[in-house]
């Protein structure tokens, strides 16, 4: 890295944020980790607390840290919560992005920015594809980022990850399964895993592979472009449970409410990203084992 390697990571205390901080620290970046609450500790990283929905606070943050790179991970990422408070989701996901990139336009328009969208974005030309307020907030976030890239010639790249899995605290389905399996191993709950629909299809990618993709996008991504981050292989929840069963010594049963319903999943492809030199390196089995071991070692007191 050269001397201009100051990287601002928002959402640093979250599941992906903590992995990102570790990755970019090892890659030689000078990191400022941004969190809303006082929940992040790392002696090697500068930590700043900021409410990104506060425009004045964002301006002060950018003026103080003067980043050459921004990895924007922060936001509201719960579909259920978006139904309860859709405006808050718009503020957290859409307006915080606008405040960040507009302040950077004024302070350092040459800053290289990666905004992390979602596989749950909808097609804004077809409102029938809109399924919840979270999707709206993430789609608007991406449109804002692309608009600033086009209108002001800013170096903004969009990352569109699929379902991220791996060790660490997460509300993802693989982590939910792992926590329950660990409780079964400890005889805390009945040895039954209840699932709404075993046939649901998802593309799962390890969070550590995703973070390595973010580094490539910060350095090689083309402004205004959307890069999908995925394994390229869809798996059903039944497949995931089968993999988990091979990683534990207990025998548990699975109950599914929906037997025959098949959900059509929109496929995403990492081909454009792979053309920049990225490829996933962590197989699904290793990711699931790492998740199990994380919860085995971090049991609630």
Protein backbone atom coordinates (compact mmCIF):
# COMPACT_ATOMS: atom_id res chain seq x y z
CA UNK A 1 0.00 0.00 0.00
CA UNK A 2 1.05 3.59 -0.56
CA UNK A 3 0.83 6.40 1.97
CA UNK A 4 -2.74 7.32 0.93
CA UNK A 5 -4.40 4.26 2.43
CA UNK A 6 -6.79 5.72 4.99
CA UNK A 7 -9.91 3.54 4.96
CA UNK A 8 -13.20 4.35 6.66
CA UNK A 9 -15.33 1.27 7.46
CA UNK A 10 -18.89 1.98 8.55
CA UNK A 11 -20.85 -0.64 10.44
CA UNK A 12 -17.56 -1.87 11.87
CA UNK A 13 -19.06 -3.59 14.90
CA UNK A 14 -21.39 -5.74 12.80
CA UNK A 15 -20.92 -9.26 11.51
CA UNK A 16 -19.30 -8.24 8.23
CA UNK A 17 -17.68 -5.13 9.68
CA UNK A 18 -15.54 -7.04 12.17
CA UNK A 19 -14.29 -9.38 9.46
CA UNK A 20 -13.61 -6.37 7.22
CA UNK A 21 -11.56 -4.65 9.91
CA UNK A 22 -9.41 -7.74 10.42
CA UNK A 23 -8.92 -8.24 6.68
CA UNK A 24 -7.99 -4.68 5.80
CA UNK A 25 -5.73 -4.35 8.84
CA UNK A 26 -3.73 -7.32 7.58
CA UNK A 27 -3.76 -5.81 4.08
CA UNK A 28 -1.95 -2.73 5.36
CA UNK A 29 -4.72 -0.14 5.40
CA UNK A 30 -4.92 2.57 8.03
CA UNK A 31 -8.42 1.91 9.32
CA UNK A 32 -11.00 4.06 11.04
CA UNK A 33 -13.86 1.93 12.30
CA UNK A 34 -17.20 3.72 12.53
CA UNK A 35 -19.87 2.49 14.93
CA UNK A 36 -23.03 4.01 16.27
CA UNK A 37 -22.60 2.61 19.76
CA UNK A 38 -19.60 2.00 21.98
CA UNK A 39 -19.36 -1.72 21.15
CA UNK A 40 -16.11 -2.07 19.21
CA UNK A 41 -12.62 -2.60 20.59
CA UNK A 42 -9.37 -3.00 18.66
CA UNK A 43 -6.11 -1.48 19.84
CA UNK A 44 -4.78 -1.36 16.28
CA UNK A 45 -7.74 0.54 14.85
CA UNK A 46 -9.01 4.05 15.41
CA UNK A 47 -12.68 3.99 16.41
CA UNK A 48 -15.17 6.79 15.80
CA UNK A 49 -18.76 6.85 17.04
CA UNK A 50 -21.22 8.45 14.66
CA UNK A 51 -24.93 8.41 13.90
CA UNK A 52 -24.83 8.27 10.11
CA UNK A 53 -28.41 9.55 9.86
CA UNK A 54 -27.18 12.85 11.35
CA UNK A 55 -25.87 14.93 8.45
CA UNK A 56 -23.83 17.27 10.67
CA UNK A 57 -22.24 14.34 12.50
CA UNK A 58 -21.30 12.75 9.17
CA UNK A 59 -19.69 16.01 7.99
CA UNK A 60 -17.65 16.19 11.19
CA UNK A 61 -16.61 12.54 10.82
CA UNK A 62 -15.34 13.00 7.25
CA UNK A 63 -13.53 16.23 8.09
CA UNK A 64 -11.78 14.52 11.00
CA UNK A 65 -10.80 11.23 9.34
CA UNK A 66 -10.12 12.41 5.75
CA UNK A 67 -10.42 8.93 4.16
CA UNK A 68 -9.05 7.96 0.77
CA UNK A 69 -11.29 4.88 0.79
CA UNK A 70 -14.77 4.21 2.15
CA UNK A 71 -16.36 0.79 2.69
CA UNK A 72 -19.98 1.50 3.57
CA UNK A 73 -21.43 -1.49 5.43
CA UNK A 74 -23.65 0.24 7.98
CA UNK A 75 -27.41 0.15 7.84
CA UNK A 76 -30.63 -1.51 8.94
CA UNK A 77 -30.57 -5.06 7.59
CA UNK A 78 -33.65 -6.71 9.06
CA UNK A 79 -36.67 -7.22 6.79
CA UNK A 80 -39.08 -7.57 9.71
CA UNK A 81 -37.90 -4.33 11.30
CA UNK A 82 -38.39 -2.52 7.99
CA UNK A 83 -42.10 -3.34 8.12
CA UNK A 84 -42.36 -1.92 11.64
CA UNK A 85 -40.51 1.31 10.86
CA UNK A 86 -40.02 1.81 7.11
CA UNK A 87 -38.93 5.45 7.45
CA UNK A 88 -36.12 4.50 9.83
CA UNK A 89 -34.93 1.93 7.29
CA UNK A 90 -34.91 4.60 4.59
CA UNK A 91 -32.91 6.90 6.85
CA UNK A 92 -30.42 4.20 7.85
CA UNK A 93 -29.85 2.75 4.40
CA UNK A 94 -30.62 5.49 1.89
CA UNK A 95 -30.05 8.85 3.54
CA UNK A 96 -26.92 7.82 5.44
CA UNK A 97 -25.41 6.86 2.08
CA UNK A 98 -26.37 10.21 0.59
CA UNK A 99 -24.85 12.09 3.54
CA UNK A 100 -21.59 10.14 3.32
CA UNK A 101 -20.97 10.42 -0.39
CA UNK A 102 -22.14 14.03 -0.64
CA UNK A 103 -19.78 15.04 2.18
CA UNK A 104 -16.98 13.16 0.46
CA UNK A 105 -17.81 14.95 -2.79
CA UNK A 106 -17.27 18.22 -0.99
CA UNK A 107 -14.22 17.19 1.04
CA UNK A 108 -12.42 14.62 -1.16
CA UNK A 109 -14.21 13.73 -4.39
CA UNK A 110 -11.32 11.40 -5.34
CA UNK A 111 -12.15 9.03 -2.46
CA UNK A 112 -12.76 5.49 -3.71
CA UNK A 113 -16.06 4.19 -2.36
CA UNK A 114 -17.69 0.79 -2.15
CA UNK A 115 -21.37 0.82 -1.18
CA UNK A 116 -22.68 -2.60 -0.18
CA UNK A 117 -26.17 -3.23 -1.52
CA UNK A 118 -28.24 -6.38 -1.19
CA UNK A 119 -29.43 -9.38 -3.16
CA UNK A 120 -32.91 -8.33 -1.97
CA UNK A 121 -32.96 -5.19 -4.13
CA UNK A 122 -35.92 -4.93 -6.50
CA UNK A 123 -36.24 -3.82 -10.11
CA UNK A 124 -37.30 -0.14 -9.89
CA UNK A 125 -38.88 -0.37 -13.35
CA UNK A 126 -41.26 -3.07 -12.10
CA UNK A 127 -42.99 -2.33 -8.79
CA UNK A 128 -44.43 -5.85 -8.69
CA UNK A 129 -40.92 -7.01 -7.70
CA UNK A 130 -41.03 -4.86 -4.54
CA UNK A 131 -41.72 -7.17 -1.59
CA UNK A 132 -40.85 -5.16 1.56
CA UNK A 133 -39.59 -1.75 2.74
CA UNK A 134 -36.09 -3.11 3.28
CA UNK A 135 -35.83 -3.86 -0.43
CA UNK A 136 -36.97 -0.31 -1.18
CA UNK A 137 -34.37 1.20 1.15
CA UNK A 138 -31.48 -0.83 -0.33
CA UNK A 139 -32.57 -0.16 -3.91
CA UNK A 140 -32.73 3.58 -3.23
CA UNK A 141 -29.32 3.36 -1.56
CA UNK A 142 -27.81 1.88 -4.73
CA UNK A 143 -29.59 4.35 -7.00
CA UNK A 144 -28.26 7.25 -4.93
CA UNK A 145 -24.72 5.88 -5.13
CA UNK A 146 -24.93 5.31 -8.88
CA UNK A 147 -26.45 8.76 -9.41
CA UNK A 148 -23.57 10.49 -7.59
CA UNK A 149 -21.08 8.42 -9.60
CA UNK A 150 -22.75 9.54 -12.83
CA UNK A 151 -23.59 13.15 -11.95
CA UNK A 152 -20.35 14.04 -10.19
CA UNK A 153 -17.92 11.54 -11.72
CA UNK A 154 -17.16 10.02 -8.32
CA UNK A 155 -15.42 6.67 -7.95
CA UNK A 156 -18.32 4.74 -6.44
CA UNK A 157 -18.68 0.99 -6.89
CA UNK A 158 -21.65 -1.13 -5.83
CA UNK A 159 -21.21 -4.54 -4.22
CA UNK A 160 -24.21 -6.86 -4.27
CA UNK A 161 -23.50 -9.84 -2.00
CA UNK A 162 -25.64 -12.94 -1.66
CA UNK A 163 -26.24 -14.57 1.74
CA UNK A 164 -23.12 -14.11 3.87
CA UNK A 165 -22.15 -16.87 6.29
CA UNK A 166 -19.19 -17.56 8.56
CA UNK A 167 -18.03 -17.34 12.17
CA UNK A 168 -19.33 -14.47 14.27
CA UNK A 169 -22.61 -13.20 15.62
CA UNK A 170 -25.15 -13.20 12.82
CA UNK A 171 -28.92 -13.48 12.43
CA UNK A 172 -28.52 -15.41 9.18
CA UNK A 173 -30.23 -18.76 8.79
CA UNK A 174 -26.99 -20.78 8.99
CA UNK A 175 -26.11 -19.14 12.29
CA UNK A 176 -29.62 -19.74 13.60
CA UNK A 177 -29.31 -23.44 12.71
CA UNK A 178 -25.85 -23.64 14.28
CA UNK A 179 -26.98 -22.09 17.57
CA UNK A 180 -29.82 -24.58 17.83
CA UNK A 181 -27.56 -27.52 17.01
CA UNK A 182 -25.09 -26.44 19.70
CA UNK A 183 -27.98 -26.22 22.18
CA UNK A 184 -28.98 -29.75 21.15
CA UNK A 185 -25.41 -30.93 21.73
CA UNK A 186 -25.65 -29.49 25.25
CA UNK A 187 -29.08 -31.09 25.80
CA UNK A 188 -30.67 -27.70 26.31
CA UNK A 189 -33.44 -28.18 23.75
CA UNK A 190 -35.28 -31.00 22.02
CA UNK A 191 -33.34 -32.55 19.15
CA UNK A 192 -35.67 -31.19 16.50
CA UNK A 193 -34.86 -28.45 13.99
CA UNK A 194 -37.99 -26.69 12.78
CA UNK A 195 -37.84 -25.05 9.35
CA UNK A 196 -40.57 -23.20 7.50
CA UNK A 197 -39.59 -24.47 4.04
CA UNK A 198 -36.76 -26.91 3.34
CA UNK A 199 -36.97 -26.16 -0.39
CA UNK A 200 -36.01 -22.49 -0.14
CA UNK A 201 -33.02 -21.87 -2.41
CA UNK A 202 -30.18 -19.53 -1.48
CA UNK A 203 -26.66 -18.75 -2.66
CA UNK A 204 -24.33 -18.81 0.35
CA UNK A 205 -20.88 -17.20 0.33
CA UNK A 206 -18.42 -16.95 3.21
CA UNK A 207 -18.15 -13.46 4.66
CA UNK A 208 -14.35 -13.66 4.48
CA UNK A 209 -14.54 -14.26 0.74
CA UNK A 210 -16.92 -11.31 0.46
CA UNK A 211 -14.52 -9.04 2.34
CA UNK A 212 -11.69 -10.01 0.02
CA UNK A 213 -13.99 -9.04 -2.84
CA UNK A 214 -14.56 -5.62 -1.25
CA UNK A 215 -10.81 -5.00 -1.31
CA UNK A 216 -10.66 -5.83 -5.02
CA UNK A 217 -13.60 -3.52 -5.69
CA UNK A 218 -11.97 -0.67 -3.76
CA UNK A 219 -8.83 -0.95 -5.87
CA UNK A 220 -10.02 -2.31 -9.23
CA UNK A 221 -13.78 -1.79 -9.42
CA UNK A 222 -15.18 0.37 -12.22
CA UNK A 223 -17.09 3.44 -11.08
CA UNK A 224 -20.86 3.14 -11.20
CA UNK A 225 -20.76 -0.62 -11.79
CA UNK A 226 -22.61 -3.25 -9.76
CA UNK A 227 -20.62 -6.37 -8.86
CA UNK A 228 -22.43 -9.44 -7.61
CA UNK A 229 -20.64 -11.47 -4.93
CA UNK A 230 -21.76 -15.08 -4.75
CA UNK A 231 -20.65 -18.68 -4.92
CA UNK A 232 -22.65 -19.12 -8.12
CA UNK A 233 -24.38 -22.20 -6.68
CA UNK A 234 -27.85 -22.26 -5.11
CA UNK A 235 -28.50 -24.63 -2.22
CA UNK A 236 -31.72 -25.47 -0.43
CA UNK A 237 -32.09 -25.20 3.33
CA UNK A 238 -32.47 -28.96 3.25
CA UNK A 239 -28.99 -29.18 1.71
CA UNK A 240 -27.60 -26.94 4.45
CA UNK A 241 -29.14 -29.06 7.19
CA UNK A 242 -27.72 -32.20 5.56
CA UNK A 243 -24.26 -30.60 5.68
CA UNK A 244 -24.73 -29.65 9.33
CA UNK A 245 -25.74 -33.20 10.22
CA UNK A 246 -22.38 -34.42 8.92
CA UNK A 247 -20.59 -31.98 11.24
CA UNK A 248 -22.16 -33.01 14.55
CA UNK A 249 -22.28 -36.28 16.47
CA UNK A 250 -25.90 -35.84 17.53
CA UNK A 251 -28.87 -37.16 15.59
CA UNK A 252 -31.65 -34.62 15.22
CA UNK A 253 -34.90 -34.56 13.31
CA UNK A 254 -36.13 -31.88 10.94
CA UNK A 255 -39.68 -30.58 10.76
CA UNK A 256 -40.83 -28.49 7.81
CA UNK A 257 -44.17 -26.68 7.62
CA UNK A 258 -44.12 -26.45 3.82
CA UNK A 259 -43.33 -29.75 2.14
CA UNK A 260 -43.91 -29.22 -1.56
CA UNK A 261 -43.63 -25.46 -2.03
CA UNK A 262 -40.60 -24.44 -4.09
CA UNK A 263 -39.43 -20.84 -3.96
CA UNK A 264 -37.96 -19.40 -7.14
CA UNK A 265 -34.71 -17.66 -6.24
CA UNK A 266 -33.20 -14.97 -8.43
CA UNK A 267 -29.73 -16.16 -9.36
CA UNK A 268 -26.77 -13.84 -9.15
CA UNK A 269 -23.43 -14.45 -10.79
CA UNK A 270 -19.95 -13.34 -9.71
CA UNK A 271 -18.58 -13.45 -13.28
CA UNK A 272 -17.89 -9.71 -13.51
CA UNK A 273 -16.05 -9.81 -10.19
CA UNK A 274 -14.11 -12.91 -11.16
CA UNK A 275 -12.89 -11.03 -14.23
CA UNK A 276 -11.10 -8.70 -11.79
CA UNK A 277 -9.23 -11.64 -10.28
CA UNK A 278 -11.52 -12.67 -7.41
CA UNK A 279 -12.70 -16.17 -6.65
CA UNK A 280 -14.22 -17.77 -3.54
CA UNK A 281 -11.74 -19.86 -1.57
CA UNK A 282 -13.69 -21.14 1.45
CA UNK A 283 -15.91 -24.18 0.78
CA UNK A 284 -19.37 -24.40 2.30
CA UNK A 285 -18.43 -27.25 4.63
CA UNK A 286 -15.59 -25.18 6.14
CA UNK A 287 -17.88 -22.19 6.62
CA UNK A 288 -20.49 -24.29 8.42
CA UNK A 289 -17.88 -25.94 10.62
CA UNK A 290 -16.46 -22.53 11.54
CA UNK A 291 -19.95 -21.31 12.45
CA UNK A 292 -20.57 -24.34 14.68
CA UNK A 293 -17.21 -23.98 16.40
CA UNK A 294 -17.82 -20.27 16.97
CA UNK A 295 -21.05 -20.95 18.84
CA UNK A 296 -19.50 -23.90 20.68
CA UNK A 297 -16.85 -21.53 22.00
CA UNK A 298 -19.15 -18.57 22.61
CA UNK A 299 -22.05 -19.97 24.56
CA UNK A 300 -24.29 -17.60 26.54
CA UNK A 301 -23.50 -17.53 30.25
